[in-house]
Amino acid sequence: MWQINHHPINDADPAAIPEEEGFIHSIGGAGLFAEKSREPCIRFCERNRDRVLSCLPNSLADVVRPTSFGMMLDLVKAHGGCRLYLPTRHEKFFHRTGLYVPEPIYIRWRDTADVNGQIDIPNVWGLLQALRRAAIRTALARGWSPDALHSTFGISRRQIKAYLLDEHETAPS
């Protein structure tokens, strides 16, 4: 029988905390909202707009299409994982959420809402997965090697083939 040696976890070591906190946030998706990640994320999304929009959940893509990716990050950070009620007037929405949406864009949002005036906002994890798919598709479009795709994203050759099939509707030779 195997004997398991238990080691106490040292949660109180102040020297390790800042480094570990950054790592934990990056793995959990919160790093997406950090200042150092936010601008590169927005630039990536803007440069690859069509690809990113095609990877986002429909409810979020409909909301983001007429606005900006910065608004998308703010919306997911504040209301991710929730159903968000859209009052009839956009001023009420601003007072309720703190997010300013110009009236013409807000009217489009209202058009995509359900009969109760609500829209689903995906959680941070859903957004992170969508952006990962967009990054993989962008890397494929730029001709990354299978080894580079595997080491960067941890995907297998079979998954690469599935991405290529999905993108081009033809299998690579």
N, C-alpha and C. Protein backbone atom coordinates (compact mmCIF):
# COMPACT_ATOMS: atom_id res chain seq x y z
N MET A 1 0.84 -1.17 0.00
CA MET A 1 0.00 0.00 0.00
C MET A 1 0.89 1.24 0.00
N TRP A 2 0.47 2.24 -0.75
CA TRP A 2 1.22 3.48 -0.84
C TRP A 2 0.96 4.36 0.36
N GLN A 3 1.99 4.99 0.82
CA GLN A 3 1.82 5.93 1.91
C GLN A 3 1.90 7.35 1.34
N ILE A 4 0.94 8.16 1.72
CA ILE A 4 0.90 9.54 1.25
C ILE A 4 1.46 10.44 2.33
N ASN A 5 2.48 11.19 1.97
CA ASN A 5 3.05 12.15 2.91
C ASN A 5 2.35 13.49 2.71
N HIS A 6 1.74 13.97 3.73
CA HIS A 6 1.04 15.25 3.65
C HIS A 6 2.00 16.37 4.02
N HIS A 7 1.98 17.40 3.20
CA HIS A 7 2.82 18.57 3.46
C HIS A 7 1.92 19.76 3.68
N PRO A 8 2.18 20.51 4.72
CA PRO A 8 1.35 21.70 4.94
C PRO A 8 1.60 22.74 3.84
N ILE A 9 0.56 23.37 3.42
CA ILE A 9 0.67 24.43 2.42
C ILE A 9 0.95 25.72 3.15
N ASN A 10 1.97 26.43 2.71
CA ASN A 10 2.34 27.67 3.36
C ASN A 10 1.63 28.82 2.66
N ASP A 11 0.47 29.20 3.17
CA ASP A 11 -0.29 30.31 2.59
C ASP A 11 0.19 31.66 3.11
N ALA A 12 1.03 31.67 4.10
CA ALA A 12 1.38 32.93 4.75
C ALA A 12 2.72 33.49 4.30
N ASP A 13 3.38 32.88 3.33
CA ASP A 13 4.68 33.38 2.88
C ASP A 13 4.48 34.63 2.03
N PRO A 14 4.74 35.83 2.59
CA PRO A 14 4.47 37.07 1.86
C PRO A 14 5.31 37.24 0.60
N ALA A 15 6.48 36.62 0.53
CA ALA A 15 7.34 36.78 -0.64
C ALA A 15 6.74 36.12 -1.88
N ALA A 16 6.01 35.03 -1.69
CA ALA A 16 5.47 34.29 -2.83
C ALA A 16 4.11 34.82 -3.29
N ILE A 17 3.44 35.55 -2.46
CA ILE A 17 2.05 35.94 -2.75
C ILE A 17 1.91 36.79 -4.02
N PRO A 18 2.64 37.89 -4.23
CA PRO A 18 2.41 38.70 -5.44
C PRO A 18 2.60 37.90 -6.74
N GLU A 19 3.66 37.11 -6.81
CA GLU A 19 3.91 36.31 -8.00
C GLU A 19 2.80 35.30 -8.21
N GLU A 20 2.39 34.62 -7.16
CA GLU A 20 1.34 33.61 -7.26
C GLU A 20 0.00 34.24 -7.58
N GLU A 21 -0.28 35.39 -7.02
CA GLU A 21 -1.56 36.06 -7.29
C GLU A 21 -1.69 36.37 -8.78
N GLY A 22 -0.61 36.88 -9.38
CA GLY A 22 -0.64 37.17 -10.81
C GLY A 22 -0.89 35.92 -11.63
N PHE A 23 -0.24 34.82 -11.24
CA PHE A 23 -0.43 33.56 -11.95
C PHE A 23 -1.86 33.06 -11.80
N ILE A 24 -2.38 33.11 -10.58
CA ILE A 24 -3.74 32.64 -10.33
C ILE A 24 -4.75 33.45 -11.14
N HIS A 25 -4.57 34.77 -11.18
CA HIS A 25 -5.48 35.62 -11.96
C HIS A 25 -5.41 35.30 -13.45
N SER A 26 -4.21 35.04 -13.97
CA SER A 26 -4.08 34.75 -15.40
C SER A 26 -4.74 33.43 -15.76
N ILE A 27 -4.64 32.44 -14.90
CA ILE A 27 -5.26 31.14 -15.16
C ILE A 27 -6.78 31.24 -15.03
N GLY A 28 -7.25 32.01 -14.08
CA GLY A 28 -8.68 32.11 -13.83
C GLY A 28 -9.44 32.99 -14.80
N GLY A 29 -8.76 33.71 -15.65
CA GLY A 29 -9.44 34.57 -16.60
C GLY A 29 -9.48 36.02 -16.17
N ALA A 30 -9.22 36.29 -14.90
CA ALA A 30 -9.25 37.67 -14.41
C ALA A 30 -8.12 38.49 -15.03
N GLY A 31 -7.05 37.83 -15.44
CA GLY A 31 -5.94 38.53 -16.07
C GLY A 31 -6.35 39.23 -17.36
N LEU A 32 -7.43 38.77 -17.95
CA LEU A 32 -7.94 39.39 -19.17
C LEU A 32 -8.34 40.84 -18.94
N PHE A 33 -8.72 41.16 -17.71
CA PHE A 33 -9.19 42.51 -17.40
C PHE A 33 -8.10 43.40 -16.81
N ALA A 34 -6.93 42.84 -16.55
CA ALA A 34 -5.82 43.64 -16.01
C ALA A 34 -5.36 44.64 -17.06
N GLU A 35 -4.88 45.79 -16.61
CA GLU A 35 -4.46 46.85 -17.54
C GLU A 35 -3.44 46.35 -18.56
N LYS A 36 -2.49 45.51 -18.11
CA LYS A 36 -1.45 45.06 -19.03
C LYS A 36 -1.99 44.11 -20.09
N SER A 37 -3.11 43.46 -19.85
CA SER A 37 -3.70 42.54 -20.83
C SER A 37 -4.83 43.18 -21.62
N ARG A 38 -5.48 44.15 -21.05
CA ARG A 38 -6.68 44.73 -21.67
C ARG A 38 -6.41 45.33 -23.05
N GLU A 39 -5.41 46.21 -23.15
CA GLU A 39 -5.14 46.87 -24.43
C GLU A 39 -4.68 45.90 -25.51
N PRO A 40 -3.75 44.96 -25.21
CA PRO A 40 -3.40 43.98 -26.25
C PRO A 40 -4.60 43.13 -26.68
N CYS A 41 -5.47 42.81 -25.74
CA CYS A 41 -6.68 42.04 -26.07
C CYS A 41 -7.57 42.83 -27.02
N ILE A 42 -7.79 44.10 -26.71
CA ILE A 42 -8.64 44.94 -27.57
C ILE A 42 -8.02 45.09 -28.95
N ARG A 43 -6.71 45.30 -29.01
CA ARG A 43 -6.04 45.43 -30.32
C ARG A 43 -6.16 44.15 -31.14
N PHE A 44 -5.97 42.99 -30.48
CA PHE A 44 -6.12 41.70 -31.17
C PHE A 44 -7.54 41.56 -31.72
N CYS A 45 -8.52 41.88 -30.89
CA CYS A 45 -9.92 41.76 -31.31
C CYS A 45 -10.24 42.69 -32.47
N GLU A 46 -9.74 43.91 -32.43
CA GLU A 46 -10.01 44.86 -33.52
C GLU A 46 -9.35 44.42 -34.82
N ARG A 47 -8.11 43.94 -34.74
CA ARG A 47 -7.41 43.51 -35.96
C ARG A 47 -8.03 42.26 -36.57
N ASN A 48 -8.64 41.44 -35.74
CA ASN A 48 -9.23 40.17 -36.19
C ASN A 48 -10.73 40.16 -35.93
N ARG A 49 -11.37 41.29 -36.16
CA ARG A 49 -12.77 41.52 -35.79
C ARG A 49 -13.72 40.42 -36.26
N ASP A 50 -13.70 40.09 -37.54
CA ASP A 50 -14.64 39.09 -38.05
C ASP A 50 -14.42 37.72 -37.42
N ARG A 51 -13.16 37.34 -37.28
CA ARG A 51 -12.85 36.04 -36.69
C ARG A 51 -13.27 36.00 -35.22
N VAL A 52 -12.99 37.06 -34.48
CA VAL A 52 -13.37 37.10 -33.06
C VAL A 52 -14.89 37.08 -32.92
N LEU A 53 -15.59 37.88 -33.71
CA LEU A 53 -17.06 37.90 -33.62
C LEU A 53 -17.65 36.53 -33.94
N SER A 54 -17.04 35.80 -34.88
CA SER A 54 -17.56 34.47 -35.22
C SER A 54 -17.32 33.46 -34.10
N CYS A 55 -16.36 33.72 -33.23
CA CYS A 55 -16.07 32.80 -32.13
C CYS A 55 -16.84 33.13 -30.85
N LEU A 56 -17.33 34.36 -30.74
CA LEU A 56 -18.06 34.76 -29.53
C LEU A 56 -19.42 34.08 -29.48
N PRO A 57 -19.95 33.85 -28.27
CA PRO A 57 -21.34 33.40 -28.17
C PRO A 57 -22.24 34.43 -28.85
N ASN A 58 -23.31 33.95 -29.51
CA ASN A 58 -24.18 34.85 -30.28
C ASN A 58 -24.70 36.01 -29.45
N SER A 59 -25.07 35.74 -28.21
CA SER A 59 -25.63 36.81 -27.38
C SER A 59 -24.62 37.94 -27.18
N LEU A 60 -23.36 37.59 -27.03
CA LEU A 60 -22.33 38.61 -26.84
C LEU A 60 -21.93 39.25 -28.17
N ALA A 61 -21.86 38.46 -29.23
CA ALA A 61 -21.51 39.02 -30.54
C ALA A 61 -22.54 40.05 -30.98
N ASP A 62 -23.82 39.79 -30.72
CA ASP A 62 -24.87 40.75 -31.09
C ASP A 62 -24.71 42.06 -30.34
N VAL A 63 -24.25 41.98 -29.11
CA VAL A 63 -24.07 43.18 -28.29
C VAL A 63 -22.80 43.93 -28.71
N VAL A 64 -21.75 43.20 -29.05
CA VAL A 64 -20.45 43.80 -29.37
C VAL A 64 -20.41 44.37 -30.78
N ARG A 65 -21.08 43.73 -31.72
CA ARG A 65 -20.98 44.11 -33.14
C ARG A 65 -21.12 45.62 -33.36
N PRO A 66 -22.13 46.29 -32.80
CA PRO A 66 -22.25 47.73 -33.05
C PRO A 66 -21.40 48.60 -32.11
N THR A 67 -20.74 48.01 -31.12
CA THR A 67 -19.97 48.81 -30.17
C THR A 67 -18.48 48.51 -30.33
N SER A 68 -17.79 48.37 -29.21
CA SER A 68 -16.35 48.12 -29.25
C SER A 68 -16.01 46.93 -28.36
N PHE A 69 -14.81 46.42 -28.55
CA PHE A 69 -14.37 45.31 -27.72
C PHE A 69 -14.05 45.77 -26.30
N GLY A 70 -13.72 47.03 -26.12
CA GLY A 70 -13.55 47.58 -24.77
C GLY A 70 -14.86 47.51 -24.00
N MET A 71 -15.96 47.84 -24.68
CA MET A 71 -17.28 47.74 -24.07
C MET A 71 -17.58 46.28 -23.71
N MET A 72 -17.17 45.35 -24.58
CA MET A 72 -17.38 43.93 -24.31
C MET A 72 -16.69 43.53 -23.01
N LEU A 73 -15.43 43.93 -22.85
CA LEU A 73 -14.70 43.57 -21.63
C LEU A 73 -15.36 44.18 -20.40
N ASP A 74 -15.78 45.44 -20.50
CA ASP A 74 -16.44 46.09 -19.36
C ASP A 74 -17.75 45.39 -19.02
N LEU A 75 -18.50 45.01 -20.03
CA LEU A 75 -19.79 44.35 -19.83
C LEU A 75 -19.61 42.99 -19.18
N VAL A 76 -18.67 42.20 -19.67
CA VAL A 76 -18.44 40.87 -19.11
C VAL A 76 -17.87 40.98 -17.70
N LYS A 77 -16.99 41.94 -17.47
CA LYS A 77 -16.41 42.11 -16.13
C LYS A 77 -17.50 42.46 -15.12
N ALA A 78 -18.40 43.36 -15.50
CA ALA A 78 -19.42 43.82 -14.56
C ALA A 78 -20.61 42.87 -14.45
N HIS A 79 -21.00 42.21 -15.55
CA HIS A 79 -22.26 41.46 -15.55
C HIS A 79 -22.13 40.06 -16.13
N GLY A 80 -20.91 39.55 -16.28
CA GLY A 80 -20.72 38.23 -16.87
C GLY A 80 -21.41 37.14 -16.07
N GLY A 81 -22.04 36.22 -16.79
CA GLY A 81 -22.74 35.11 -16.16
C GLY A 81 -24.14 35.45 -15.72
N CYS A 82 -24.64 36.60 -16.12
CA CYS A 82 -25.98 37.05 -15.68
C CYS A 82 -26.86 37.37 -16.87
N ARG A 83 -28.14 37.43 -16.57
CA ARG A 83 -29.11 37.99 -17.52
C ARG A 83 -29.22 39.45 -17.15
N LEU A 84 -29.07 40.30 -18.14
CA LEU A 84 -29.06 41.73 -17.90
C LEU A 84 -30.33 42.35 -18.46
N TYR A 85 -31.06 43.04 -17.59
CA TYR A 85 -32.29 43.71 -18.02
C TYR A 85 -31.93 45.02 -18.71
N LEU A 86 -32.55 45.26 -19.85
CA LEU A 86 -32.35 46.50 -20.59
C LEU A 86 -33.61 47.34 -20.47
N PRO A 87 -33.58 48.38 -19.63
CA PRO A 87 -34.75 49.25 -19.52
C PRO A 87 -35.08 49.89 -20.87
N THR A 88 -36.26 50.42 -20.99
CA THR A 88 -36.68 51.03 -22.25
C THR A 88 -35.77 52.18 -22.66
N ARG A 89 -35.36 53.00 -21.70
CA ARG A 89 -34.52 54.16 -22.01
C ARG A 89 -33.06 53.87 -21.66
N HIS A 90 -32.17 54.28 -22.56
CA HIS A 90 -30.75 54.00 -22.34
C HIS A 90 -30.17 54.77 -21.16
N GLU A 91 -30.78 55.90 -20.78
CA GLU A 91 -30.29 56.65 -19.62
C GLU A 91 -30.46 55.82 -18.34
N LYS A 92 -31.57 55.10 -18.25
CA LYS A 92 -31.80 54.24 -17.08
C LYS A 92 -30.75 53.13 -17.01
N PHE A 93 -30.40 52.60 -18.18
CA PHE A 93 -29.38 51.56 -18.23
C PHE A 93 -28.05 52.11 -17.70
N PHE A 94 -27.69 53.32 -18.13
CA PHE A 94 -26.45 53.94 -17.67
C PHE A 94 -26.47 54.13 -16.16
N HIS A 95 -27.58 54.64 -15.61
CA HIS A 95 -27.66 54.87 -14.17
C HIS A 95 -27.61 53.56 -13.39
N ARG A 96 -28.12 52.52 -13.98
CA ARG A 96 -28.15 51.22 -13.32
C ARG A 96 -26.80 50.51 -13.38
N THR A 97 -26.10 50.63 -14.52
CA THR A 97 -24.88 49.85 -14.72
C THR A 97 -23.59 50.67 -14.74
N GLY A 98 -23.69 51.95 -15.05
CA GLY A 98 -22.50 52.77 -15.20
C GLY A 98 -21.85 52.65 -16.57
N LEU A 99 -22.45 51.87 -17.47
CA LEU A 99 -21.93 51.70 -18.82
C LEU A 99 -22.70 52.61 -19.77
N TYR A 100 -21.99 53.52 -20.41
CA TYR A 100 -22.65 54.42 -21.35
C TYR A 100 -22.73 53.75 -22.72
N VAL A 101 -23.93 53.66 -23.24
CA VAL A 101 -24.17 53.12 -24.57
C VAL A 101 -24.95 54.18 -25.34
N PRO A 102 -24.45 54.64 -26.49
CA PRO A 102 -25.21 55.63 -27.27
C PRO A 102 -26.59 55.09 -27.63
N GLU A 103 -27.56 55.98 -27.69
CA GLU A 103 -28.95 55.58 -27.89
C GLU A 103 -29.18 54.70 -29.12
N PRO A 104 -28.63 55.02 -30.31
CA PRO A 104 -28.89 54.15 -31.47
C PRO A 104 -28.38 52.72 -31.26
N ILE A 105 -27.24 52.60 -30.61
CA ILE A 105 -26.70 51.27 -30.32
C ILE A 105 -27.55 50.58 -29.28
N TYR A 106 -28.00 51.31 -28.28
CA TYR A 106 -28.85 50.73 -27.23
C TYR A 106 -30.15 50.20 -27.83
N ILE A 107 -30.71 50.92 -28.79
CA ILE A 107 -31.94 50.46 -29.45
C ILE A 107 -31.68 49.12 -30.14
N ARG A 108 -30.52 48.97 -30.77
CA ARG A 108 -30.18 47.68 -31.40
C ARG A 108 -30.06 46.58 -30.36
N TRP A 109 -29.46 46.91 -29.20
CA TRP A 109 -29.38 45.94 -28.12
C TRP A 109 -30.77 45.50 -27.69
N ARG A 110 -31.66 46.46 -27.55
CA ARG A 110 -33.04 46.14 -27.15
C ARG A 110 -33.70 45.23 -28.17
N ASP A 111 -33.36 45.41 -29.44
CA ASP A 111 -33.93 44.56 -30.49
C ASP A 111 -33.47 43.11 -30.37
N THR A 112 -32.28 42.89 -29.81
CA THR A 112 -31.77 41.52 -29.66
C THR A 112 -32.20 40.89 -28.34
N ALA A 113 -32.80 41.67 -27.45
CA ALA A 113 -33.22 41.16 -26.14
C ALA A 113 -34.43 40.23 -26.29
N ASP A 114 -34.64 39.41 -25.27
CA ASP A 114 -35.81 38.54 -25.28
C ASP A 114 -37.07 39.35 -24.97
N VAL A 115 -38.22 38.67 -24.86
CA VAL A 115 -39.49 39.37 -24.66
C VAL A 115 -39.55 40.11 -23.33
N ASN A 116 -38.70 39.73 -22.39
CA ASN A 116 -38.65 40.41 -21.09
C ASN A 116 -37.64 41.56 -21.07
N GLY A 117 -37.02 41.83 -22.21
CA GLY A 117 -36.03 42.91 -22.27
C GLY A 117 -34.70 42.52 -21.66
N GLN A 118 -34.36 41.23 -21.69
CA GLN A 118 -33.12 40.77 -21.08
C GLN A 118 -32.19 40.17 -22.12
N ILE A 119 -30.89 40.31 -21.87
CA ILE A 119 -29.87 39.66 -22.70
C ILE A 119 -28.98 38.84 -21.78
N ASP A 120 -28.46 37.75 -22.32
CA ASP A 120 -27.53 36.91 -21.56
C ASP A 120 -26.11 37.40 -21.80
N ILE A 121 -25.38 37.61 -20.72
CA ILE A 121 -23.98 38.02 -20.81
C ILE A 121 -23.14 36.82 -20.36
N PRO A 122 -22.32 36.26 -21.26
CA PRO A 122 -21.50 35.11 -20.88
C PRO A 122 -20.52 35.48 -19.76
N ASN A 123 -20.12 34.47 -19.01
CA ASN A 123 -19.16 34.73 -17.94
C ASN A 123 -17.75 34.88 -18.51
N VAL A 124 -16.81 35.20 -17.66
CA VAL A 124 -15.42 35.43 -18.07
C VAL A 124 -14.85 34.20 -18.75
N TRP A 125 -15.16 33.04 -18.21
CA TRP A 125 -14.63 31.80 -18.78
C TRP A 125 -15.12 31.60 -20.21
N GLY A 126 -16.39 31.87 -20.46
CA GLY A 126 -16.92 31.75 -21.82
C GLY A 126 -16.23 32.70 -22.78
N LEU A 127 -15.97 33.92 -22.33
CA LEU A 127 -15.25 34.90 -23.16
C LEU A 127 -13.82 34.44 -23.40
N LEU A 128 -13.17 33.95 -22.36
CA LEU A 128 -11.79 33.48 -22.49
C LEU A 128 -11.70 32.33 -23.50
N GLN A 129 -12.63 31.40 -23.45
CA GLN A 129 -12.64 30.28 -24.39
C GLN A 129 -12.88 30.76 -25.83
N ALA A 130 -13.77 31.72 -25.99
CA ALA A 130 -14.04 32.27 -27.32
C ALA A 130 -12.81 32.96 -27.88
N LEU A 131 -12.12 33.73 -27.05
CA LEU A 131 -10.91 34.42 -27.51
C LEU A 131 -9.79 33.42 -27.80
N ARG A 132 -9.74 32.33 -27.06
CA ARG A 132 -8.76 31.27 -27.34
C ARG A 132 -9.02 30.66 -28.71
N ARG A 133 -10.30 30.36 -29.00
CA ARG A 133 -10.64 29.82 -30.32
C ARG A 133 -10.24 30.80 -31.43
N ALA A 134 -10.50 32.08 -31.21
CA ALA A 134 -10.13 33.09 -32.20
C ALA A 134 -8.61 33.15 -32.37
N ALA A 135 -7.87 33.03 -31.28
CA ALA A 135 -6.41 33.06 -31.35
C ALA A 135 -5.88 31.85 -32.10
N ILE A 136 -6.47 30.68 -31.87
CA ILE A 136 -6.05 29.47 -32.59
C ILE A 136 -6.33 29.64 -34.08
N ARG A 137 -7.51 30.12 -34.42
CA ARG A 137 -7.84 30.31 -35.84
C ARG A 137 -6.94 31.36 -36.49
N THR A 138 -6.58 32.39 -35.75
CA THR A 138 -5.66 33.40 -36.27
C THR A 138 -4.28 32.80 -36.51
N ALA A 139 -3.81 32.01 -35.56
CA ALA A 139 -2.50 31.36 -35.71
C ALA A 139 -2.51 30.42 -36.91
N LEU A 140 -3.59 29.68 -37.10
CA LEU A 140 -3.71 28.80 -38.27
C LEU A 140 -3.68 29.61 -39.57
N ALA A 141 -4.40 30.72 -39.59
CA ALA A 141 -4.44 31.56 -40.79
C ALA A 141 -3.07 32.15 -41.09
N ARG A 142 -2.26 32.34 -40.07
CA ARG A 142 -0.91 32.90 -40.27
C ARG A 142 0.12 31.82 -40.57
N GLY A 143 -0.34 30.57 -40.64
CA GLY A 143 0.55 29.48 -41.03
C GLY A 143 1.46 28.94 -39.95
N TRP A 144 1.02 29.00 -38.70
CA TRP A 144 1.83 28.44 -37.62
C TRP A 144 2.00 26.94 -37.85
N SER A 145 3.14 26.41 -37.44
CA SER A 145 3.39 24.98 -37.57
C SER A 145 2.58 24.22 -36.52
N PRO A 146 2.31 22.93 -36.79
CA PRO A 146 1.59 22.13 -35.78
C PRO A 146 2.32 22.09 -34.43
N ASP A 147 3.66 22.07 -34.47
CA ASP A 147 4.42 22.06 -33.21
C ASP A 147 4.22 23.35 -32.43
N ALA A 148 4.22 24.48 -33.14
CA ALA A 148 4.00 25.77 -32.46
C ALA A 148 2.58 25.85 -31.90
N LEU A 149 1.61 25.35 -32.64
CA LEU A 149 0.22 25.33 -32.14
C LEU A 149 0.10 24.45 -30.91
N HIS A 150 0.77 23.30 -30.95
CA HIS A 150 0.71 22.38 -29.81
C HIS A 150 1.37 22.99 -28.58
N SER A 151 2.55 23.57 -28.75
CA SER A 151 3.25 24.11 -27.58
C SER A 151 2.56 25.36 -27.03
N THR A 152 1.91 26.14 -27.88
CA THR A 152 1.25 27.36 -27.42
C THR A 152 -0.13 27.09 -26.84
N PHE A 153 -0.92 26.28 -27.54
CA PHE A 153 -2.31 26.08 -27.14
C PHE A 153 -2.60 24.69 -26.57
N GLY A 154 -1.65 23.77 -26.70
CA GLY A 154 -1.86 22.42 -26.19
C GLY A 154 -2.86 21.62 -27.01
N ILE A 155 -2.97 21.91 -28.30
CA ILE A 155 -3.93 21.18 -29.13
C ILE A 155 -3.20 20.11 -29.94
N SER A 156 -3.91 19.02 -30.21
CA SER A 156 -3.33 17.90 -30.94
C SER A 156 -3.48 18.11 -32.44
N ARG A 157 -2.83 17.25 -33.21
CA ARG A 157 -2.96 17.32 -34.67
C ARG A 157 -4.40 17.07 -35.09
N ARG A 158 -5.08 16.21 -34.39
CA ARG A 158 -6.50 15.95 -34.69
C ARG A 158 -7.34 17.21 -34.48
N GLN A 159 -7.07 17.93 -33.41
CA GLN A 159 -7.80 19.18 -33.16
C GLN A 159 -7.45 20.23 -34.21
N ILE A 160 -6.18 20.27 -34.62
CA ILE A 160 -5.78 21.21 -35.67
C ILE A 160 -6.55 20.90 -36.94
N LYS A 161 -6.64 19.62 -37.27
CA LYS A 161 -7.38 19.21 -38.47
C LYS A 161 -8.85 19.62 -38.36
N ALA A 162 -9.43 19.47 -37.17
CA ALA A 162 -10.83 19.86 -36.98
C ALA A 162 -11.00 21.37 -37.16
N TYR A 163 -10.06 22.15 -36.65
CA TYR A 163 -10.12 23.61 -36.85
C TYR A 163 -10.03 23.95 -38.33
N LEU A 164 -9.13 23.28 -39.04
CA LEU A 164 -8.98 23.54 -40.47
C LEU A 164 -10.24 23.14 -41.24
N LEU A 165 -10.84 22.01 -40.87
CA LEU A 165 -12.09 21.58 -41.50
C LEU A 165 -13.18 22.61 -41.26
N ASP A 166 -13.26 23.09 -40.04
CA ASP A 166 -14.28 24.07 -39.68
C ASP A 166 -14.08 25.38 -40.44
N GLU A 167 -12.82 25.77 -40.60
CA GLU A 167 -12.50 27.04 -41.24
C GLU A 167 -12.69 26.98 -42.76
N HIS A 168 -12.27 25.88 -43.37
CA HIS A 168 -12.24 25.82 -44.83
C HIS A 168 -13.21 24.82 -45.43
N GLU A 169 -13.84 24.01 -44.59
CA GLU A 169 -14.74 22.95 -45.05
C GLU A 169 -14.02 21.93 -45.93
N THR A 170 -12.70 21.88 -45.86
CA THR A 170 -11.92 20.87 -46.58
C THR A 170 -10.82 20.38 -45.67
N ALA A 171 -10.48 19.13 -45.83
CA ALA A 171 -9.42 18.55 -45.01
C ALA A 171 -8.06 18.86 -45.63
N PRO A 172 -7.07 19.20 -44.79
CA PRO A 172 -5.73 19.41 -45.33
C PRO A 172 -5.13 18.08 -45.76
N SER A 173 -4.23 18.11 -46.71
CA SER A 173 -3.63 16.86 -47.18
C SER A 173 -2.47 16.45 -46.31
